């Protein structure tokens, strides 16, 4: 699976919905989310594709996906500091698979997560979803307060560069 993250200036486009609708009609489209930044200024469209050719140039590889249906009222995009080493990527994948995702599945209002990888830039982003902004914040706080598993080295985990928060206008 592959993904595109497209930013749209809100001064030139009132809504991200037309961009999502256009992508949804293309071959290889799997799912998509039209989002508006809570601080204004931009819209973002996340589209998921069955293959890299359908996704197009500059696409991300989806290295983890755990989405629930119907719980996509809010989202955040977590940007990790780059470049990410192979060891840091492996530590992040272990944490996601063995600690974060299993715990998140037990929480109410969680819409899931999609983790994106750009090998050329050694960049990783995680897009997390929840039913609403309050739930998104509560889930983030719960996940960030978790104890590490035995053998997890905090020095190897990726460093968060910044987080953007969005309202999800539509998911398909």
Foldseek 3Di string as FASTA:
>chain_A
DKKDKDKDFCVVPVFCVVVVVVLVPFPFWDKKWWWAFPVHGIIIMMTDGPDDVSRDPPMWDFPDWDFDPPLAFKKKKWWFDDQADPLQVVLQVCCVVPPLVVVLVVDPFWGIKTWTADVVGNIIMIMTGGNHDVSVVVSVVVSVPDDDDPPRDPVSHTHTPDMTMTGTPDMD
